[in-house]
Amino acid sequence: MKAITFIGIALIVLGGLALAYGGFTYVTRETVVDIGAVRVEADRERTVPLPPIIGGVALVLGIGLMVVGLRQRSA
């Protein structure tokens, strides 16, 4: 399998996931209070939204790369 076809498949999968989930969430640990020997930490949940246009563009580019890769193979 050519690299261009593999990249096309990866973009299709990533674009589909971006459209399905709409973003991702991660957790960071932050120090809230730090007084001498006393240290209080809190877990903060952060969300990174992904606009649907990013997923759509990745999907269209992936399909385009798949078509180009399949045409190169048959030529």
C-alpha atoms as a PDB file:
ATOM      1  CA  MET A   1       0.000   0.000   0.000  1.00  0.00           C
ATOM      2  CA  LYS A   2       1.385   3.371  -0.981  1.00  0.00           C
ATOM      3  CA  ALA A   3       1.964   6.083   1.583  1.00  0.00           C
ATOM      4  CA  ILE A   4      -0.573   8.411  -0.046  1.00  0.00           C
ATOM      5  CA  THR A   5      -3.312   5.789   0.338  1.00  0.00           C
ATOM      6  CA  PHE A   6      -2.368   5.200   3.970  1.00  0.00           C
ATOM      7  CA  ILE A   7      -2.476   8.953   4.683  1.00  0.00           C
ATOM      8  CA  GLY A   8      -5.878   9.117   2.978  1.00  0.00           C
ATOM      9  CA  ILE A   9      -7.229   6.345   5.199  1.00  0.00           C
ATOM     10  CA  ALA A  10      -5.845   8.046   8.304  1.00  0.00           C
ATOM     11  CA  LEU A  11      -7.477  11.368   7.336  1.00  0.00           C
ATOM     12  CA  ILE A  12     -10.817   9.656   6.720  1.00  0.00           C
ATOM     13  CA  VAL A  13     -10.697   8.016  10.146  1.00  0.00           C
ATOM     14  CA  LEU A  14      -9.588  11.203  11.925  1.00  0.00           C
ATOM     15  CA  GLY A  15     -12.175  13.304  10.091  1.00  0.00           C
ATOM     16  CA  GLY A  16     -14.932  10.858  11.033  1.00  0.00           C
ATOM     17  CA  LEU A  17     -13.848  10.893  14.673  1.00  0.00           C
ATOM     18  CA  ALA A  18     -13.702  14.707  14.701  1.00  0.00           C
ATOM     19  CA  LEU A  19     -17.240  14.875  13.325  1.00  0.00           C
ATOM     20  CA  ALA A  20     -18.520  12.231  15.732  1.00  0.00           C
ATOM     21  CA  TYR A  21     -17.004  13.593  18.952  1.00  0.00           C
ATOM     22  CA  GLY A  22     -16.717  17.315  18.224  1.00  0.00           C
ATOM     23  CA  GLY A  23     -13.669  17.770  20.465  1.00  0.00           C
ATOM     24  CA  PHE A  24     -11.655  16.165  23.215  1.00  0.00           C
ATOM     25  CA  THR A  25     -11.255  16.566  26.953  1.00  0.00           C
ATOM     26  CA  TYR A  26      -8.137  16.256  29.096  1.00  0.00           C
ATOM     27  CA  VAL A  27      -7.358  16.689  32.786  1.00  0.00           C
ATOM     28  CA  THR A  28      -4.591  18.837  34.278  1.00  0.00           C
ATOM     29  CA  ARG A  29      -3.456  19.005  37.886  1.00  0.00           C
ATOM     30  CA  GLU A  30      -2.995  22.522  39.251  1.00  0.00           C
ATOM     31  CA  THR A  31      -1.677  23.740  42.570  1.00  0.00           C
ATOM     32  CA  VAL A  32      -4.409  25.771  44.249  1.00  0.00           C
ATOM     33  CA  VAL A  33      -2.701  26.551  47.573  1.00  0.00           C
ATOM     34  CA  ASP A  34       1.011  26.296  48.373  1.00  0.00           C
ATOM     35  CA  ILE A  35       1.761  27.492  51.923  1.00  0.00           C
ATOM     36  CA  GLY A  36       4.954  26.027  53.315  1.00  0.00           C
ATOM     37  CA  ALA A  37       4.339  22.333  53.976  1.00  0.00           C
ATOM     38  CA  VAL A  38       0.677  22.563  52.969  1.00  0.00           C
ATOM     39  CA  ARG A  39       0.001  22.028  49.313  1.00  0.00           C
ATOM     40  CA  VAL A  40      -3.481  21.661  47.835  1.00  0.00           C
ATOM     41  CA  GLU A  41      -3.906  20.477  44.266  1.00  0.00           C
ATOM     42  CA  ALA A  42      -7.009  20.219  42.135  1.00  0.00           C
ATOM     43  CA  ASP A  43      -7.756  18.359  38.928  1.00  0.00           C
ATOM     44  CA  ARG A  44      -9.136  20.657  36.244  1.00  0.00           C
ATOM     45  CA  GLU A  45     -10.976  19.301  33.244  1.00  0.00           C
ATOM     46  CA  ARG A  46     -10.271  21.150  30.004  1.00  0.00           C
ATOM     47  CA  THR A  47     -12.213  20.763  26.768  1.00  0.00           C
ATOM     48  CA  VAL A  48     -10.847  21.528  23.306  1.00  0.00           C
ATOM     49  CA  PRO A  49     -13.709  21.893  20.812  1.00  0.00           C
ATOM     50  CA  LEU A  50     -13.126  20.903  17.191  1.00  0.00           C
ATOM     51  CA  PRO A  51     -15.277  22.768  14.667  1.00  0.00           C
ATOM     52  CA  PRO A  52     -17.163  20.463  12.284  1.00  0.00           C
ATOM     53  CA  ILE A  53     -15.443  22.148   9.339  1.00  0.00           C
ATOM     54  CA  ILE A  54     -12.114  20.597  10.412  1.00  0.00           C
ATOM     55  CA  GLY A  55     -13.617  17.110  10.410  1.00  0.00           C
ATOM     56  CA  GLY A  56     -15.293  17.723   7.056  1.00  0.00           C
ATOM     57  CA  VAL A  57     -12.112  19.040   5.445  1.00  0.00           C
ATOM     58  CA  ALA A  58     -10.100  16.074   6.755  1.00  0.00           C
ATOM     59  CA  LEU A  59     -12.748  13.684   5.419  1.00  0.00           C
ATOM     60  CA  VAL A  60     -12.785  15.295   1.959  1.00  0.00           C
ATOM     61  CA  LEU A  61      -8.967  15.406   1.787  1.00  0.00           C
ATOM     62  CA  GLY A  62      -8.776  11.764   2.829  1.00  0.00           C
ATOM     63  CA  ILE A  63     -11.219  10.720   0.115  1.00  0.00           C
ATOM     64  CA  GLY A  64      -9.261  12.769  -2.418  1.00  0.00           C
ATOM     65  CA  LEU A  65      -5.982  11.141  -1.417  1.00  0.00           C
ATOM     66  CA  MET A  66      -7.576   7.693  -1.618  1.00  0.00           C
ATOM     67  CA  VAL A  67      -8.767   8.407  -5.181  1.00  0.00           C
ATOM     68  CA  VAL A  68      -5.331   9.713  -6.205  1.00  0.00           C
ATOM     69  CA  GLY A  69      -3.616   6.712  -4.607  1.00  0.00           C
ATOM     70  CA  LEU A  70      -5.898   4.227  -6.345  1.00  0.00           C
ATOM     71  CA  ARG A  71      -5.432   5.945  -9.715  1.00  0.00           C
ATOM     72  CA  GLN A  72      -1.640   5.844  -9.341  1.00  0.00           C
ATOM     73  CA  ARG A  73      -1.770   2.142  -8.544  1.00  0.00           C
ATOM     74  CA  SER A  74      -3.813   1.285 -11.648  1.00  0.00           C
ATOM     75  CA  ALA A  75      -1.669   3.420 -13.979  1.00  0.00           C
END
